[in-house]
Amino acid sequence: MCHAELVSASLANASDYFCLKQVERSRNKFGMTEGVRIIIMKKILVDAVDAFIIEGQGIFKEMHDLLETFPNNKIILTGANDEQFKVFSLDKMPYEVFTLKHNPEKTDPKYYETMLEHFNLNKDDVVYFEHNEDAVKSAQTIGIKTYHYDPNKKDLEVLKKFLTENL
């Protein structure tokens, strides 16, 4: 949940709200507001299985705790079909979940183009971490700032550094 000022969707979609990083107001010589410049915080795209979700265990608590230190909105990305959605309890996630049910896979840049279009975002509105190197390359081909997260190392300090430097 965003803890900053919220702006309603007259700026974008009527049902969407944005987490703001900064609001700057310019005033004329009479002190009247002349213009407003709004800087929207980037969304964090979170890899689901083998990153945020540890198979057979559920949510990786330490990663969840880390993500909660950032006020940015988060979206969990997966390719899960309906059966996998239940197996991994994706319906019980603390963040919105996006899937294309393996059509296409995250290794196809079309997955990310479709996701950005779905949320009315562009590549500069997001940062992403992903465990699959081919999916990392796929996201990078369309310009998404992406970090390869190694699920064997579970190095949350490096992930924190990536997020801090790119948000």
Foldseek 3Di string as FASTA:
>chain_A
DAPADWDADVVDDRVDIFRWPDKDFDADPVRHTDDIDTHTAAEEEEEQDLAQADQPPAGPVVLVVLVVVDNHAYEYEDQADPVVCVNRVVVPDPHHYDHPNPVPHLLALVSVVVVCVVVVHAQLRYAYEDQDPSSQVSSVVRPHHYDHDHSVVNPVVVVSVSVVVRD
